[in-house]
PDB file of all heavy atoms in Angstrom:
ATOM      1  N   SER A   1    -100.144   1.520 -64.371  1.00  0.00           N
ATOM      2  CA  SER A   1    -100.735   2.853 -64.217  1.00  0.00           C
ATOM      3  C   SER A   1    -100.869   3.219 -62.796  1.00  0.00           C
ATOM      4  O   SER A   1    -100.606   4.431 -62.367  1.00  0.00           O
ATOM      5  CB  SER A   1    -101.982   3.019 -64.950  1.00  0.00           C
ATOM      6  OG  SER A   1    -101.849   2.845 -66.352  1.00  0.00           O
ATOM      7  N   CYS A   2    -101.391   2.308 -62.008  1.00  0.00           N
ATOM      8  CA  CYS A   2    -101.596   2.577 -60.567  1.00  0.00           C
ATOM      9  C   CYS A   2    -100.264   2.819 -59.887  1.00  0.00           C
ATOM     10  O   CYS A   2    -100.066   3.692 -58.990  1.00  0.00           O
ATOM     11  CB  CYS A   2    -102.312   1.443 -59.840  1.00  0.00           C
ATOM     12  SG  CYS A   2    -104.079   1.372 -60.256  1.00  0.00           S
ATOM     13  N   ALA A   3     -99.169   2.030 -60.232  1.00  0.00           N
ATOM     14  CA  ALA A   3     -97.869   2.255 -59.677  1.00  0.00           C
ATOM     15  C   ALA A   3     -97.360   3.698 -59.942  1.00  0.00           C
ATOM     16  O   ALA A   3     -96.790   4.334 -59.099  1.00  0.00           O
ATOM     17  CB  ALA A   3     -96.914   1.255 -60.206  1.00  0.00           C
ATOM     18  N   HIS A   4     -97.515   4.126 -61.162  1.00  0.00           N
ATOM     19  CA  HIS A   4     -97.110   5.503 -61.532  1.00  0.00           C
ATOM     20  C   HIS A   4     -97.869   6.554 -60.707  1.00  0.00           C
ATOM     21  O   HIS A   4     -97.289   7.518 -60.247  1.00  0.00           O
ATOM     22  CB  HIS A   4     -97.276   5.719 -63.018  1.00  0.00           C
ATOM     23  CG  HIS A   4     -96.330   5.026 -63.937  1.00  0.00           C
ATOM     24  ND1 HIS A   4     -94.986   5.010 -63.700  1.00  0.00           N
ATOM     25  CD2 HIS A   4     -96.490   4.332 -65.039  1.00  0.00           C
ATOM     26  CE1 HIS A   4     -94.331   4.351 -64.593  1.00  0.00           C
ATOM     27  NE2 HIS A   4     -95.271   3.889 -65.495  1.00  0.00           N
ATOM     28  N   ALA A   5     -99.127   6.272 -60.562  1.00  0.00           N
ATOM     29  CA  ALA A   5     -99.984   7.252 -59.790  1.00  0.00           C
ATOM     30  C   ALA A   5     -99.582   7.318 -58.325  1.00  0.00           C
ATOM     31  O   ALA A   5     -99.473   8.395 -57.762  1.00  0.00           O
ATOM     32  CB  ALA A   5    -101.474   6.908 -59.929  1.00  0.00           C
ATOM     33  N   VAL A   6     -99.333   6.150 -57.749  1.00  0.00           N
ATOM     34  CA  VAL A   6     -98.825   6.097 -56.332  1.00  0.00           C
ATOM     35  C   VAL A   6     -97.534   6.894 -56.232  1.00  0.00           C
ATOM     36  O   VAL A   6     -97.383   7.716 -55.291  1.00  0.00           O
ATOM     37  CB  VAL A   6     -98.598   4.595 -55.919  1.00  0.00           C
ATOM     38  CG1 VAL A   6     -97.850   4.607 -54.653  1.00  0.00           C
ATOM     39  CG2 VAL A   6     -99.951   3.913 -55.763  1.00  0.00           C
ATOM     40  N   THR A   7     -96.610   6.652 -57.165  1.00  0.00           N
ATOM     41  CA  THR A   7     -95.347   7.374 -57.112  1.00  0.00           C
ATOM     42  C   THR A   7     -95.500   8.859 -57.281  1.00  0.00           C
ATOM     43  O   THR A   7     -94.894   9.680 -56.495  1.00  0.00           O
ATOM     44  CB  THR A   7     -94.429   6.926 -58.225  1.00  0.00           C
ATOM     45  OG1 THR A   7     -94.118   5.476 -58.072  1.00  0.00           O
ATOM     46  CG2 THR A   7     -93.099   7.674 -58.344  1.00  0.00           C
ATOM     47  N   ASP A   8     -96.319   9.295 -58.246  1.00  0.00           N
ATOM     48  CA  ASP A   8     -96.585  10.749 -58.446  1.00  0.00           C
ATOM     49  C   ASP A   8     -97.272  11.459 -57.303  1.00  0.00           C
ATOM     50  O   ASP A   8     -96.868  12.569 -56.936  1.00  0.00           O
ATOM     51  CB  ASP A   8     -97.455  10.946 -59.660  1.00  0.00           C
ATOM     52  CG  ASP A   8     -96.740  10.556 -61.001  1.00  0.00           C
ATOM     53  OD1 ASP A   8     -95.452  10.462 -60.935  1.00  0.00           O
ATOM     54  OD2 ASP A   8     -97.400  10.454 -62.043  1.00  0.00           O
ATOM     55  N   LEU A   9     -98.148  10.778 -56.636  1.00  0.00           N
ATOM     56  CA  LEU A   9     -98.799  11.330 -55.443  1.00  0.00           C
ATOM     57  C   LEU A   9     -97.808  11.386 -54.293  1.00  0.00           C
ATOM     58  O   LEU A   9     -97.700  12.432 -53.569  1.00  0.00           O
ATOM     59  CB  LEU A   9     -99.997  10.475 -55.064  1.00  0.00           C
ATOM     60  CG  LEU A   9    -101.228  10.626 -56.003  1.00  0.00           C
ATOM     61  CD1 LEU A   9    -102.213   9.497 -55.700  1.00  0.00           C
ATOM     62  CD2 LEU A   9    -101.868  12.016 -55.807  1.00  0.00           C
ATOM     63  N   ALA A  10     -97.040  10.356 -54.092  1.00  0.00           N
ATOM     64  CA  ALA A  10     -96.053  10.393 -53.035  1.00  0.00           C
ATOM     65  C   ALA A  10     -95.043  11.391 -53.143  1.00  0.00           C
ATOM     66  O   ALA A  10     -94.581  11.968 -52.113  1.00  0.00           O
ATOM     67  CB  ALA A  10     -95.400   8.956 -52.919  1.00  0.00           C
ATOM     68  N   ARG A  11     -94.595  11.754 -54.323  1.00  0.00           N
ATOM     69  CA  ARG A  11     -93.665  12.806 -54.531  1.00  0.00           C
ATOM     70  C   ARG A  11     -94.113  14.133 -54.137  1.00  0.00           C
ATOM     71  O   ARG A  11     -93.413  15.029 -53.805  1.00  0.00           O
ATOM     72  CB  ARG A  11     -93.214  12.824 -56.034  1.00  0.00           C
ATOM     73  CG  ARG A  11     -92.232  11.724 -56.393  1.00  0.00           C
ATOM     74  CD  ARG A  11     -91.940  11.649 -57.902  1.00  0.00           C
ATOM     75  NE  ARG A  11     -90.950  10.662 -58.163  1.00  0.00           N
ATOM     76  CZ  ARG A  11     -90.805  10.027 -59.352  1.00  0.00           C
ATOM     77  NH1 ARG A  11     -91.600  10.394 -60.347  1.00  0.00           N
ATOM     78  NH2 ARG A  11     -89.852   9.091 -59.514  1.00  0.00           N
ATOM     79  N   ARG A  12     -95.507  14.241 -54.053  1.00  0.00           N
ATOM     80  CA  ARG A  12     -96.184  15.509 -53.590  1.00  0.00           C
ATOM     81  C   ARG A  12     -96.639  15.343 -52.159  1.00  0.00           C
ATOM     82  O   ARG A  12     -97.370  16.244 -51.629  1.00  0.00           O
ATOM     83  CB  ARG A  12     -97.312  15.823 -54.598  1.00  0.00           C
ATOM     84  CG  ARG A  12     -96.866  16.191 -55.967  1.00  0.00           C
ATOM     85  CD  ARG A  12     -97.976  16.125 -56.979  1.00  0.00           C
ATOM     86  NE  ARG A  12     -97.628  16.660 -58.296  1.00  0.00           N
ATOM     87  CZ  ARG A  12     -97.016  15.888 -59.219  1.00  0.00           C
ATOM     88  NH1 ARG A  12     -96.657  14.633 -58.968  1.00  0.00           N
ATOM     89  NH2 ARG A  12     -96.712  16.422 -60.375  1.00  0.00           N
ATOM     90  N   ARG A  13     -96.300  14.251 -51.515  1.00  0.00           N
ATOM     91  CA  ARG A  13     -96.815  13.979 -50.179  1.00  0.00           C
ATOM     92  C   ARG A  13     -98.277  14.027 -49.993  1.00  0.00           C
ATOM     93  O   ARG A  13     -98.822  14.532 -49.060  1.00  0.00           O
ATOM     94  CB  ARG A  13     -96.077  14.892 -49.132  1.00  0.00           C
ATOM     95  CG  ARG A  13     -94.553  14.890 -49.140  1.00  0.00           C
ATOM     96  CD  ARG A  13     -93.950  15.746 -48.111  1.00  0.00           C
ATOM     97  NE  ARG A  13     -92.483  15.654 -48.144  1.00  0.00           N
ATOM     98  CZ  ARG A  13     -91.626  16.265 -47.277  1.00  0.00           C
ATOM     99  NH1 ARG A  13     -92.161  17.049 -46.353  1.00  0.00           N
ATOM    100  NH2 ARG A  13     -90.379  16.062 -47.445  1.00  0.00           N
ATOM    101  N   LEU A  14     -98.919  13.351 -51.016  1.00  0.00           N
ATOM    102  CA  LEU A  14    -100.355  13.285 -51.009  1.00  0.00           C
ATOM    103  C   LEU A  14    -100.777  11.802 -50.902  1.00  0.00           C
ATOM    104  O   LEU A  14    -100.137  10.894 -51.400  1.00  0.00           O
ATOM    105  CB  LEU A  14    -100.910  13.827 -52.346  1.00  0.00           C
ATOM    106  CG  LEU A  14    -100.748  15.368 -52.509  1.00  0.00           C
ATOM    107  CD1 LEU A  14    -101.068  15.767 -53.974  1.00  0.00           C
ATOM    108  CD2 LEU A  14    -101.613  16.167 -51.548  1.00  0.00           C
ATOM    109  N   VAL A  15    -101.896  11.572 -50.228  1.00  0.00           N
ATOM    110  CA  VAL A  15    -102.351  10.202 -50.026  1.00  0.00           C
ATOM    111  C   VAL A  15    -102.669   9.539 -51.351  1.00  0.00           C
ATOM    112  O   VAL A  15    -103.381  10.158 -52.184  1.00  0.00           O
ATOM    113  CB  VAL A  15    -103.613  10.163 -49.088  1.00  0.00           C
ATOM    114  CG1 VAL A  15    -104.295   8.800 -49.048  1.00  0.00           C
ATOM    115  CG2 VAL A  15    -103.236  10.666 -47.674  1.00  0.00           C
ATOM    116  N   ALA A  16    -102.247   8.269 -51.497  1.00  0.00           N
ATOM    117  CA  ALA A  16    -102.680   7.470 -52.600  1.00  0.00           C
ATOM    118  C   ALA A  16    -103.614   6.399 -52.036  1.00  0.00           C
ATOM    119  O   ALA A  16    -103.187   5.497 -51.359  1.00  0.00           O
ATOM    120  CB  ALA A  16    -101.482   6.804 -53.314  1.00  0.00           C
ATOM    121  N   MET A  17    -104.857   6.541 -52.344  1.00  0.00           N
ATOM    122  CA  MET A  17    -105.847   5.598 -51.813  1.00  0.00           C
ATOM    123  C   MET A  17    -106.124   4.535 -52.893  1.00  0.00           C
ATOM    124  O   MET A  17    -106.711   4.720 -53.897  1.00  0.00           O
ATOM    125  CB  MET A  17    -107.148   6.340 -51.465  1.00  0.00           C
ATOM    126  CG  MET A  17    -108.204   5.510 -50.715  1.00  0.00           C
ATOM    127  SD  MET A  17    -109.739   6.427 -50.465  1.00  0.00           S
ATOM    128  CE  MET A  17    -109.223   7.870 -49.615  1.00  0.00           C
ATOM    129  N   VAL A  18    -105.598   3.290 -52.652  1.00  0.00           N
ATOM    130  CA  VAL A  18    -105.641   2.194 -53.617  1.00  0.00           C
ATOM    131  C   VAL A  18    -106.773   1.245 -53.212  1.00  0.00           C
ATOM    132  O   VAL A  18    -106.779   0.735 -52.074  1.00  0.00           O
ATOM    133  CB  VAL A  18    -104.301   1.507 -53.674  1.00  0.00           C
ATOM    134  CG1 VAL A  18    -104.360   0.452 -54.803  1.00  0.00           C
ATOM    135  CG2 VAL A  18    -103.235   2.436 -54.020  1.00  0.00           C
ATOM    136  N   GLU A  19    -107.648   0.933 -54.179  1.00  0.00           N
ATOM    137  CA  GLU A  19    -108.805   0.018 -53.951  1.00  0.00           C
ATOM    138  C   GLU A  19    -108.553  -1.305 -54.734  1.00  0.00           C
ATOM    139  O   GLU A  19    -108.932  -1.323 -55.907  1.00  0.00           O
ATOM    140  CB  GLU A  19    -110.081   0.656 -54.346  1.00  0.00           C
ATOM    141  CG  GLU A  19    -111.287  -0.180 -54.062  1.00  0.00           C
ATOM    142  CD  GLU A  19    -112.564   0.586 -54.509  1.00  0.00           C
ATOM    143  OE1 GLU A  19    -112.463   1.659 -55.159  1.00  0.00           O
ATOM    144  OE2 GLU A  19    -113.669   0.064 -54.182  1.00  0.00           O
ATOM    145  N   PRO A  20    -107.941  -2.269 -54.148  1.00  0.00           N
ATOM    146  CA  PRO A  20    -107.617  -3.483 -54.830  1.00  0.00           C
ATOM    147  C   PRO A  20    -108.687  -4.565 -54.776  1.00  0.00           C
ATOM    148  O   PRO A  20    -109.244  -4.729 -53.772  1.00  0.00           O
ATOM    149  CB  PRO A  20    -106.307  -3.938 -54.179  1.00  0.00           C
ATOM    150  CG  PRO A  20    -106.458  -3.521 -52.730  1.00  0.00           C
ATOM    151  CD  PRO A  20    -107.340  -2.304 -52.818  1.00  0.00           C
ATOM    152  N   PHE A  21    -108.870  -5.254 -55.891  1.00  0.00           N
ATOM    153  CA  PHE A  21    -109.741  -6.410 -55.851  1.00  0.00           C
ATOM    154  C   PHE A  21    -109.072  -7.542 -56.756  1.00  0.00           C
ATOM    155  O   PHE A  21    -108.469  -7.247 -57.730  1.00  0.00           O
ATOM    156  CB  PHE A  21    -111.082  -6.092 -56.528  1.00  0.00           C
ATOM    157  CG  PHE A  21    -112.054  -5.258 -55.634  1.00  0.00           C
ATOM    158  CD1 PHE A  21    -112.175  -3.974 -55.942  1.00  0.00           C
ATOM    159  CD2 PHE A  21    -112.687  -5.826 -54.586  1.00  0.00           C
ATOM    160  CE1 PHE A  21    -113.076  -3.160 -55.211  1.00  0.00           C
ATOM    161  CE2 PHE A  21    -113.483  -5.070 -53.831  1.00  0.00           C
ATOM    162  CZ  PHE A  21    -113.675  -3.693 -54.139  1.00  0.00           C
ATOM    163  N   TRP A  22    -109.273  -8.786 -56.369  1.00  0.00           N
ATOM    164  CA  TRP A  22    -109.012  -9.939 -57.143  1.00  0.00           C
ATOM    165  C   TRP A  22    -110.236 -10.229 -57.947  1.00  0.00           C
ATOM    166  O   TRP A  22    -111.272 -10.569 -57.323  1.00  0.00           O
ATOM    167  CB  TRP A  22    -108.576 -11.160 -56.322  1.00  0.00           C
ATOM    168  CG  TRP A  22    -107.844 -12.195 -57.061  1.00  0.00           C
ATOM    169  CD1 TRP A  22    -108.316 -13.346 -57.474  1.00  0.00           C
ATOM    170  CD2 TRP A  22    -106.423 -12.152 -57.436  1.00  0.00           C
ATOM    171  NE1 TRP A  22    -107.366 -14.089 -58.194  1.00  0.00           N
ATOM    172  CE2 TRP A  22    -106.189 -13.337 -58.167  1.00  0.00           C
ATOM    173  CE3 TRP A  22    -105.388 -11.233 -57.274  1.00  0.00           C
ATOM    174  CZ2 TRP A  22    -104.930 -13.643 -58.687  1.00  0.00           C
ATOM    175  CZ3 TRP A  22    -104.176 -11.449 -57.801  1.00  0.00           C
ATOM    176  CH2 TRP A  22    -103.875 -12.713 -58.499  1.00  0.00           C
ATOM    177  N   SER A  23    -110.234 -10.149 -59.256  1.00  0.00           N
ATOM    178  CA  SER A  23    -111.466 -10.125 -60.047  1.00  0.00           C
ATOM    179  C   SER A  23    -111.367 -11.220 -61.103  1.00  0.00           C
ATOM    180  O   SER A  23    -110.353 -11.664 -61.565  1.00  0.00           O
ATOM    181  CB  SER A  23    -111.633  -8.781 -60.722  1.00  0.00           C
ATOM    182  OG  SER A  23    -111.651  -7.770 -59.849  1.00  0.00           O
ATOM    183  N   THR A  24    -112.590 -11.647 -61.506  1.00  0.00           N
ATOM    184  CA  THR A  24    -112.724 -12.632 -62.605  1.00  0.00           C
ATOM    185  C   THR A  24    -114.019 -12.281 -63.389  1.00  0.00           C
ATOM    186  O   THR A  24    -114.838 -11.532 -62.911  1.00  0.00           O
ATOM    187  CB  THR A  24    -112.958 -14.133 -62.016  1.00  0.00           C
ATOM    188  OG1 THR A  24    -114.038 -14.132 -61.198  1.00  0.00           O
ATOM    189  CG2 THR A  24    -111.725 -14.577 -61.255  1.00  0.00           C
TER     190      THR A  24
END
């Protein structure tokens, strides 16, 4: 889902701010 959102934002030349965590 995040990959699709990054792609959709990039197509509109909008910043994709991704907040990644390694979680348990």
